Protein backbone atom coordinates (compact mmCIF):
# COMPACT_ATOMS: atom_id res chain seq x y z
CA UNK A 1 0.00 0.00 0.00
CA UNK A 2 1.32 3.43 -0.91
CA UNK A 3 1.40 6.26 1.58
CA UNK A 4 1.66 10.03 1.42
CA UNK A 5 3.37 11.71 4.37
CA UNK A 6 3.15 15.42 5.12
CA UNK A 7 3.85 17.21 8.41
CA UNK A 8 2.30 14.88 11.03
CA UNK A 9 -0.20 13.15 8.73
CA UNK A 10 -0.01 9.91 6.82
CA UNK A 11 -2.63 9.38 4.12
CA UNK A 12 -3.36 7.52 0.91
CA UNK A 13 -3.51 10.52 -1.43
CA UNK A 14 -2.83 14.22 -1.83
CA UNK A 15 -6.55 14.86 -1.45
CA UNK A 16 -6.69 12.99 1.85
CA UNK A 17 -3.75 15.00 3.22
CA UNK A 18 -5.42 18.23 2.04
CA UNK A 19 -8.57 17.20 3.94
CA UNK A 20 -6.54 16.41 7.08
CA UNK A 21 -4.96 19.86 6.87
CA UNK A 22 -8.32 21.58 6.38
CA UNK A 23 -9.80 19.67 9.33
CA UNK A 24 -6.81 20.65 11.50
CA UNK A 25 -7.10 24.31 10.49
CA UNK A 26 -10.86 24.37 11.15
CA UNK A 27 -10.53 22.47 14.44
CA UNK A 28 -13.15 19.93 13.34
CA UNK A 29 -11.32 16.61 13.44
CA UNK A 30 -8.69 16.50 16.17
CA UNK A 31 -9.20 16.72 19.90
CA UNK A 32 -7.57 18.86 22.54
CA UNK A 33 -3.97 18.17 23.55
CA UNK A 34 -4.06 17.70 27.32
CA UNK A 35 -1.50 19.78 29.18
CA UNK A 36 -0.94 22.24 26.31
CA UNK A 37 -2.40 25.68 27.04
CA UNK A 38 -1.34 27.54 23.91
CA UNK A 39 -3.19 28.10 20.66
CA UNK A 40 -3.24 25.34 18.04
CA UNK A 41 -0.01 25.09 16.09
CA UNK A 42 -0.73 26.11 12.49
CA UNK A 43 0.07 23.51 9.87
CA UNK A 44 2.44 24.44 7.09
CA UNK A 45 0.98 25.24 3.68
CA UNK A 46 0.81 22.37 1.24
CA UNK A 47 3.60 22.47 -1.34
CA UNK A 48 2.77 23.90 -4.77
CA UNK A 49 3.08 20.42 -6.27
CA UNK A 50 0.83 17.37 -6.01
CA UNK A 51 1.93 15.02 -3.22
CA UNK A 52 2.71 11.58 -4.61
CA UNK A 53 2.36 8.29 -2.76
CA UNK A 54 5.48 6.25 -2.32
CA UNK A 55 5.53 2.51 -2.29
CA UNK A 56 7.60 0.43 0.01
CA UNK A 57 11.31 0.49 -0.81
CA UNK A 58 13.27 -2.71 -0.24
C-alpha atoms as a PDB file:
ATOM      1  CA  UNK A   1       0.000   0.000   0.000  1.00  0.00           C
ATOM      2  CA  UNK A   2       1.322   3.429  -0.907  1.00  0.00           C
ATOM      3  CA  UNK A   3       1.401   6.264   1.581  1.00  0.00           C
ATOM      4  CA  UNK A   4       1.657  10.028   1.419  1.00  0.00           C
ATOM      5  CA  UNK A   5       3.366  11.715   4.371  1.00  0.00           C
ATOM      6  CA  UNK A   6       3.147  15.425   5.119  1.00  0.00           C
ATOM      7  CA  UNK A   7       3.850  17.207   8.414  1.00  0.00           C
ATOM      8  CA  UNK A   8       2.301  14.882  11.028  1.00  0.00           C
ATOM      9  CA  UNK A   9      -0.196  13.147   8.733  1.00  0.00           C
ATOM     10  CA  UNK A  10      -0.010   9.906   6.816  1.00  0.00           C
ATOM     11  CA  UNK A  11      -2.628   9.378   4.124  1.00  0.00           C
ATOM     12  CA  UNK A  12      -3.363   7.519   0.913  1.00  0.00           C
ATOM     13  CA  UNK A  13      -3.512  10.518  -1.431  1.00  0.00           C
ATOM     14  CA  UNK A  14      -2.834  14.223  -1.828  1.00  0.00           C
ATOM     15  CA  UNK A  15      -6.552  14.857  -1.448  1.00  0.00           C
ATOM     16  CA  UNK A  16      -6.694  12.992   1.850  1.00  0.00           C
ATOM     17  CA  UNK A  17      -3.752  14.997   3.222  1.00  0.00           C
ATOM     18  CA  UNK A  18      -5.419  18.225   2.042  1.00  0.00           C
ATOM     19  CA  UNK A  19      -8.574  17.201   3.941  1.00  0.00           C
ATOM     20  CA  UNK A  20      -6.539  16.409   7.084  1.00  0.00           C
ATOM     21  CA  UNK A  21      -4.960  19.865   6.869  1.00  0.00           C
ATOM     22  CA  UNK A  22      -8.316  21.582   6.379  1.00  0.00           C
ATOM     23  CA  UNK A  23      -9.796  19.675   9.327  1.00  0.00           C
ATOM     24  CA  UNK A  24      -6.806  20.650  11.498  1.00  0.00           C
ATOM     25  CA  UNK A  25      -7.099  24.305  10.493  1.00  0.00           C
ATOM     26  CA  UNK A  26     -10.858  24.372  11.150  1.00  0.00           C
ATOM     27  CA  UNK A  27     -10.533  22.469  14.435  1.00  0.00           C
ATOM     28  CA  UNK A  28     -13.148  19.928  13.337  1.00  0.00           C
ATOM     29  CA  UNK A  29     -11.315  16.608  13.443  1.00  0.00           C
ATOM     30  CA  UNK A  30      -8.693  16.502  16.173  1.00  0.00           C
ATOM     31  CA  UNK A  31      -9.201  16.721  19.901  1.00  0.00           C
ATOM     32  CA  UNK A  32      -7.565  18.859  22.543  1.00  0.00           C
ATOM     33  CA  UNK A  33      -3.970  18.167  23.555  1.00  0.00           C
ATOM     34  CA  UNK A  34      -4.062  17.699  27.317  1.00  0.00           C
ATOM     35  CA  UNK A  35      -1.498  19.785  29.178  1.00  0.00           C
ATOM     36  CA  UNK A  36      -0.939  22.238  26.306  1.00  0.00           C
ATOM     37  CA  UNK A  37      -2.400  25.676  27.038  1.00  0.00           C
ATOM     38  CA  UNK A  38      -1.339  27.541  23.907  1.00  0.00           C
ATOM     39  CA  UNK A  39      -3.187  28.104  20.661  1.00  0.00           C
ATOM     40  CA  UNK A  40      -3.243  25.337  18.039  1.00  0.00           C
ATOM     41  CA  UNK A  41      -0.007  25.093  16.091  1.00  0.00           C
ATOM     42  CA  UNK A  42      -0.732  26.105  12.490  1.00  0.00           C
ATOM     43  CA  UNK A  43       0.068  23.509   9.875  1.00  0.00           C
ATOM     44  CA  UNK A  44       2.440  24.441   7.085  1.00  0.00           C
ATOM     45  CA  UNK A  45       0.985  25.236   3.680  1.00  0.00           C
ATOM     46  CA  UNK A  46       0.810  22.371   1.240  1.00  0.00           C
ATOM     47  CA  UNK A  47       3.598  22.470  -1.337  1.00  0.00           C
ATOM     48  CA  UNK A  48       2.767  23.903  -4.772  1.00  0.00           C
ATOM     49  CA  UNK A  49       3.081  20.419  -6.273  1.00  0.00           C
ATOM     50  CA  UNK A  50       0.832  17.371  -6.011  1.00  0.00           C
ATOM     51  CA  UNK A  51       1.927  15.022  -3.215  1.00  0.00           C
ATOM     52  CA  UNK A  52       2.706  11.580  -4.614  1.00  0.00           C
ATOM     53  CA  UNK A  53       2.356   8.290  -2.765  1.00  0.00           C
ATOM     54  CA  UNK A  54       5.482   6.247  -2.316  1.00  0.00           C
ATOM     55  CA  UNK A  55       5.526   2.507  -2.287  1.00  0.00           C
ATOM     56  CA  UNK A  56       7.604   0.431   0.011  1.00  0.00           C
ATOM     57  CA  UNK A  57      11.310   0.487  -0.806  1.00  0.00           C
ATOM     58  CA  UNK A  58      13.268  -2.707  -0.239  1.00  0.00           C
END
